[in-house]
Amino acid sequence: MTLKTFGQKLGYVLRTIAFITICLIFLFLTLWTFCYSLHVFYFFVITLILASIAFFKGKSRRFVTITLLAGLAIFAFSTPYNLRQYNRNAAAFQAQINSGYHLRFKEKCAIYGTLLIITVGDIIPFPEASIQNFYLLFPKKSKTRIFYDDDYLSAPDIQAMLNRKGKNEVAWNKWGERFNGNFRFAAAFDPSTLEITDEGDQKKATLVTYFHYRKNYTTHNANHFLYGLFAFRIDEGLFWYLQHEGWLHPYTSVWIAKFKK
């Protein structure tokens, strides 16, 4: 196999992976917007029909890909409108739950899909929160999960506790936490306890938190960014409802790290 042939085959494989990824993202968003009753769902359906016609008429994969990307572009450009509608529907779901009504299967799927979006969206900015959300999707008999990672030791509020012995509550600094170095970790570990123990020439830090979503608790995000154009709410109460319904599975999360004395 020549270098040129290898490059061609590698390019084909990468294009295939990209095409499959685009298709999966498109189908997921189509289903999610349907479950959340967002108007952009109809644009997805139209785009899907056009892409299907193009595929069965023998159009190139590039043409189908461009068609799907056009649909995703419409979704992206209509984000402010989509978010306003999403916020209204999320508030309506929460109001139903607070009134003692049960949500339909479709609405539960919408909330579940939202958590999947949050989990994927948090991978880079909030990897610990993303990991914990991911495992929330799966039941475990012991209801305890152990992780080995030392990144959280860099949090200023953790740094201040590394010389303390025994188990202590972590007092996360809420003042300006988006800029004080704690935000990434507080998003995953608030509230939590930290225990420092000696292990030979090292110390072991054990961070423990009960990872779950709270009942009827809402956070509002991006309210002041571009005059609230991209403002959105996260209703923890909706995820709490899925916990109550057995769709999500809270657990005790234990993060262990070792460092030099």
Protein backbone atom coordinates (compact mmCIF):
# COMPACT_ATOMS: atom_id res chain seq x y z
CA MET A 1 0.00 0.00 0.00
CA THR A 2 1.45 3.33 -1.04
CA LEU A 3 1.36 6.42 1.12
CA LYS A 4 -1.11 7.99 -1.31
CA THR A 5 -3.45 4.99 -1.12
CA PHE A 6 -3.24 4.98 2.67
CA GLY A 7 -4.08 8.67 2.75
CA GLN A 8 -7.09 8.12 0.50
CA LYS A 9 -8.40 5.27 2.66
CA LEU A 10 -7.83 7.23 5.85
CA GLY A 11 -9.65 10.21 4.35
CA TYR A 12 -12.57 7.97 3.39
CA VAL A 13 -12.78 6.52 6.91
CA LEU A 14 -12.68 9.98 8.50
CA ARG A 15 -15.35 11.29 6.13
CA THR A 16 -17.53 8.28 6.94
CA ILE A 17 -17.13 8.85 10.67
CA ALA A 18 -17.96 12.54 10.22
CA PHE A 19 -21.04 11.68 8.14
CA ILE A 20 -22.32 9.18 10.72
CA THR A 21 -21.69 11.68 13.53
CA ILE A 22 -23.63 14.40 11.73
CA CYS A 23 -26.51 11.99 11.08
CA LEU A 24 -26.65 10.92 14.73
CA ILE A 25 -26.56 14.51 16.00
CA PHE A 26 -29.26 15.49 13.52
CA LEU A 27 -31.54 12.59 14.48
CA PHE A 28 -31.01 13.20 18.19
CA LEU A 29 -31.89 16.89 17.90
CA THR A 30 -34.90 16.03 15.75
CA LEU A 31 -36.23 13.71 18.45
CA TRP A 32 -35.35 16.10 21.27
CA THR A 33 -37.05 19.10 19.66
CA PHE A 34 -40.10 16.92 19.00
CA CYS A 35 -40.26 15.82 22.64
CA TYR A 36 -39.83 19.41 23.84
CA SER A 37 -42.40 20.64 21.29
CA LEU A 38 -40.04 23.21 19.80
CA HIS A 39 -41.09 24.77 16.51
CA VAL A 40 -37.66 24.19 14.99
CA PHE A 41 -38.60 20.50 14.90
CA TYR A 42 -40.56 21.16 11.70
CA PHE A 43 -37.44 22.53 10.00
CA PHE A 44 -35.62 19.36 11.00
CA VAL A 45 -38.39 17.25 9.47
CA ILE A 46 -38.30 19.22 6.21
CA THR A 47 -34.52 18.92 6.08
CA LEU A 48 -34.69 15.19 6.81
CA ILE A 49 -37.20 14.67 4.01
CA LEU A 50 -35.01 16.59 1.55
CA ALA A 51 -31.92 14.64 2.63
CA SER A 52 -33.78 11.33 2.29
CA ILE A 53 -35.02 12.21 -1.20
CA ALA A 54 -31.49 13.19 -2.20
CA PHE A 55 -30.10 9.93 -0.81
CA PHE A 56 -32.59 7.70 -2.62
CA LYS A 57 -32.10 9.63 -5.84
CA GLY A 58 -28.43 8.73 -5.72
CA LYS A 59 -27.06 12.12 -4.78
CA SER A 60 -23.55 12.16 -3.38
CA ARG A 61 -22.92 11.78 0.33
CA ARG A 62 -21.45 15.27 0.28
CA PHE A 63 -24.76 16.67 -0.94
CA VAL A 64 -26.67 14.83 1.81
CA THR A 65 -24.15 16.04 4.40
CA ILE A 66 -24.52 19.65 3.26
CA THR A 67 -28.30 19.32 3.46
CA LEU A 68 -28.12 18.04 7.04
CA LEU A 69 -25.62 20.74 7.99
CA ALA A 70 -28.02 23.33 6.60
CA GLY A 71 -30.67 22.02 8.97
CA LEU A 72 -28.24 22.21 11.88
CA ALA A 73 -27.34 25.76 10.83
CA ILE A 74 -31.01 26.75 10.98
CA PHE A 75 -31.14 25.29 14.49
CA ALA A 76 -28.04 27.27 15.51
CA PHE A 77 -29.21 30.58 14.02
CA SER A 78 -32.61 30.24 15.67
CA THR A 79 -31.07 29.57 19.10
CA PRO A 80 -32.47 32.72 20.80
CA TYR A 81 -36.01 31.81 19.75
CA ASN A 82 -35.48 28.13 20.59
CA LEU A 83 -34.21 29.03 24.06
CA ARG A 84 -37.20 31.23 24.81
CA GLN A 85 -39.53 28.42 23.84
CA TYR A 86 -37.44 25.89 25.76
CA ASN A 87 -37.55 28.10 28.88
CA ARG A 88 -41.34 28.39 28.69
CA ASN A 89 -41.80 24.65 28.27
CA ALA A 90 -39.34 23.80 31.04
CA ALA A 91 -41.17 26.15 33.39
CA ALA A 92 -44.47 24.53 32.39
CA PHE A 93 -43.07 21.05 33.10
CA GLN A 94 -41.87 22.22 36.52
CA ALA A 95 -45.26 23.76 37.27
CA GLN A 96 -46.96 20.47 36.40
CA ILE A 97 -44.67 18.57 38.74
CA ASN A 98 -45.20 21.08 41.54
CA SER A 99 -48.96 20.70 41.08
CA GLY A 100 -48.70 16.94 41.55
CA TYR A 101 -49.27 15.96 37.92
CA HIS A 102 -47.27 13.23 36.22
CA LEU A 103 -45.44 14.01 33.01
CA ARG A 104 -46.03 12.02 29.85
CA PHE A 105 -43.42 9.68 28.40
CA LYS A 106 -42.65 12.23 25.67
CA GLU A 107 -41.97 14.94 28.25
CA LYS A 108 -39.76 12.64 30.29
CA CYS A 109 -37.76 11.88 27.15
CA ALA A 110 -37.37 15.63 26.58
CA ILE A 111 -35.90 16.10 30.06
CA TYR A 112 -33.67 13.04 29.67
CA GLY A 113 -32.43 14.41 26.36
CA THR A 114 -31.65 17.74 28.02
CA LEU A 115 -29.42 15.97 30.53
CA LEU A 116 -27.62 14.21 27.67
CA ILE A 117 -27.01 17.60 26.03
CA ILE A 118 -25.68 19.01 29.31
CA THR A 119 -23.45 15.96 29.80
CA VAL A 120 -21.90 16.31 26.35
CA GLY A 121 -21.70 20.09 26.56
CA ASP A 122 -19.85 19.92 29.89
CA ILE A 123 -17.09 17.58 28.67
CA ILE A 124 -14.57 20.37 28.07
CA PRO A 125 -15.50 23.19 30.49
CA PHE A 126 -16.74 20.98 33.36
CA PRO A 127 -15.31 17.46 32.88
CA GLU A 128 -16.00 16.34 36.46
CA ALA A 129 -19.65 17.39 36.26
CA SER A 130 -19.92 15.69 32.87
CA ILE A 131 -18.54 12.43 34.27
CA GLN A 132 -20.90 12.50 37.22
CA ASN A 133 -23.91 13.25 35.03
CA PHE A 134 -22.93 10.38 32.74
CA TYR A 135 -22.92 7.84 35.57
CA LEU A 136 -26.21 9.23 36.82
CA LEU A 137 -27.76 7.54 33.79
CA PHE A 138 -26.89 4.05 35.03
CA PRO A 139 -28.01 2.27 38.21
CA LYS A 140 -25.49 0.71 40.57
CA LYS A 141 -26.37 -1.59 43.41
CA SER A 142 -23.87 -0.14 45.89
CA LYS A 143 -24.81 3.44 44.93
CA THR A 144 -21.17 4.44 45.34
CA ARG A 145 -18.73 5.27 42.56
CA ILE A 146 -15.01 5.81 43.02
CA PHE A 147 -12.87 7.97 40.74
CA TYR A 148 -9.11 8.51 40.77
CA ASP A 149 -8.18 11.99 39.61
CA ASP A 150 -6.13 14.82 41.06
CA ASP A 151 -7.36 17.76 38.97
CA TYR A 152 -9.67 18.96 41.73
CA LEU A 153 -6.64 19.59 43.95
CA SER A 154 -6.01 22.75 41.91
CA ALA A 155 -9.23 24.40 43.13
CA PRO A 156 -8.33 27.32 45.45
CA ASP A 157 -10.83 26.22 48.09
CA ILE A 158 -9.33 22.71 48.05
CA GLN A 159 -5.77 24.05 48.14
CA ALA A 160 -6.62 25.88 51.35
CA MET A 161 -7.59 22.59 53.00
CA LEU A 162 -4.72 20.32 52.00
CA ASN A 163 -2.86 20.83 55.28
CA ARG A 164 -5.88 20.11 57.44
CA LYS A 165 -6.22 16.68 58.94
CA GLY A 166 -9.41 14.67 59.19
CA LYS A 167 -12.69 15.21 57.41
CA ASN A 168 -13.95 18.74 56.77
CA GLU A 169 -16.76 20.38 54.86
CA VAL A 170 -15.61 22.18 51.73
CA ALA A 171 -16.74 25.80 51.95
CA TRP A 172 -16.93 26.69 48.28
CA ASN A 173 -16.43 30.41 47.75
CA LYS A 174 -19.55 31.60 45.92
CA TRP A 175 -18.34 35.17 45.46
CA GLY A 176 -17.35 35.56 41.83
CA GLU A 177 -16.90 31.80 41.53
CA ARG A 178 -17.02 31.94 37.74
CA PHE A 179 -13.63 33.66 37.85
CA ASN A 180 -12.04 32.49 41.09
CA GLY A 181 -10.92 29.05 39.92
CA ASN A 182 -13.54 27.15 41.89
CA PHE A 183 -16.43 27.20 39.44
CA ARG A 184 -15.45 24.12 37.42
CA PHE A 185 -15.17 22.02 40.57
CA ALA A 186 -18.01 23.54 42.58
CA ALA A 187 -20.32 22.64 39.69
CA ALA A 188 -19.57 18.99 40.39
CA PHE A 189 -18.72 18.86 44.09
CA ASP A 190 -20.99 21.28 45.93
CA PRO A 191 -21.69 20.27 48.67
CA SER A 192 -18.86 17.93 49.60
CA THR A 193 -16.44 16.85 52.32
CA LEU A 194 -12.68 16.50 52.04
CA GLU A 195 -10.63 14.11 54.15
CA ILE A 196 -6.82 14.26 54.21
CA THR A 197 -4.91 11.20 55.44
CA ASP A 198 -1.23 10.24 55.54
CA GLU A 199 0.03 7.39 53.38
CA GLY A 200 3.78 7.02 53.79
CA ASP A 201 5.57 9.86 52.04
CA GLN A 202 2.30 10.98 50.44
CA LYS A 203 -1.04 12.33 51.49
CA LYS A 204 -4.36 11.08 50.23
CA ALA A 205 -7.26 13.43 49.57
CA THR A 206 -10.73 11.90 49.52
CA LEU A 207 -13.49 14.15 48.24
CA VAL A 208 -17.01 12.84 48.81
CA THR A 209 -20.27 14.21 47.49
CA TYR A 210 -23.75 12.81 47.08
CA PHE A 211 -24.46 13.48 43.42
CA HIS A 212 -28.11 14.14 42.74
CA TYR A 213 -30.49 16.85 41.60
CA ARG A 214 -32.53 18.94 43.99
CA LYS A 215 -36.29 19.29 44.06
CA ASN A 216 -37.72 22.48 42.58
CA TYR A 217 -34.37 24.26 42.21
CA THR A 218 -33.73 26.47 39.18
CA THR A 219 -30.62 28.26 37.94
CA HIS A 220 -30.78 31.04 35.36
CA ASN A 221 -27.86 31.38 32.98
CA ALA A 222 -26.57 34.01 30.51
CA ASN A 223 -29.22 36.51 31.62
CA HIS A 224 -26.89 39.45 31.04
CA PHE A 225 -25.06 38.17 27.96
CA LEU A 226 -26.13 40.16 24.88
CA TYR A 227 -29.13 41.52 26.80
CA GLY A 228 -30.36 38.04 27.66
CA LEU A 229 -30.58 36.92 24.04
CA PHE A 230 -29.19 33.50 24.98
CA ALA A 231 -30.65 33.26 28.48
CA PHE A 232 -31.67 29.78 29.52
CA ARG A 233 -32.79 28.05 32.68
CA ILE A 234 -31.82 24.71 34.16
CA ASP A 235 -34.57 23.26 36.29
CA GLU A 236 -32.98 20.73 38.61
CA GLY A 237 -36.49 19.84 39.70
CA LEU A 238 -37.07 18.22 36.31
CA PHE A 239 -34.07 15.94 36.78
CA TRP A 240 -35.19 15.33 40.36
CA TYR A 241 -38.48 14.14 38.91
CA LEU A 242 -36.66 11.65 36.68
CA GLN A 243 -34.78 10.45 39.76
CA HIS A 244 -38.12 9.96 41.49
CA GLU A 245 -39.41 8.08 38.44
CA GLY A 246 -36.34 5.81 38.33
CA TRP A 247 -34.89 7.21 35.11
CA LEU A 248 -31.84 8.69 36.87
CA HIS A 249 -29.85 7.13 39.68
CA PRO A 250 -28.22 9.29 42.40
CA TYR A 251 -25.07 7.96 44.01
CA THR A 252 -22.27 8.79 46.40
CA SER A 253 -19.31 10.03 44.39
CA VAL A 254 -15.82 9.50 45.85
CA TRP A 255 -12.82 11.20 44.23
CA ILE A 256 -9.39 10.08 45.42
CA ALA A 257 -6.11 11.88 44.76
CA LYS A 258 -2.61 11.56 46.17
CA PHE A 259 0.00 14.27 46.53
CA LYS A 260 3.38 14.79 48.14
CA LYS A 261 3.61 15.99 51.72
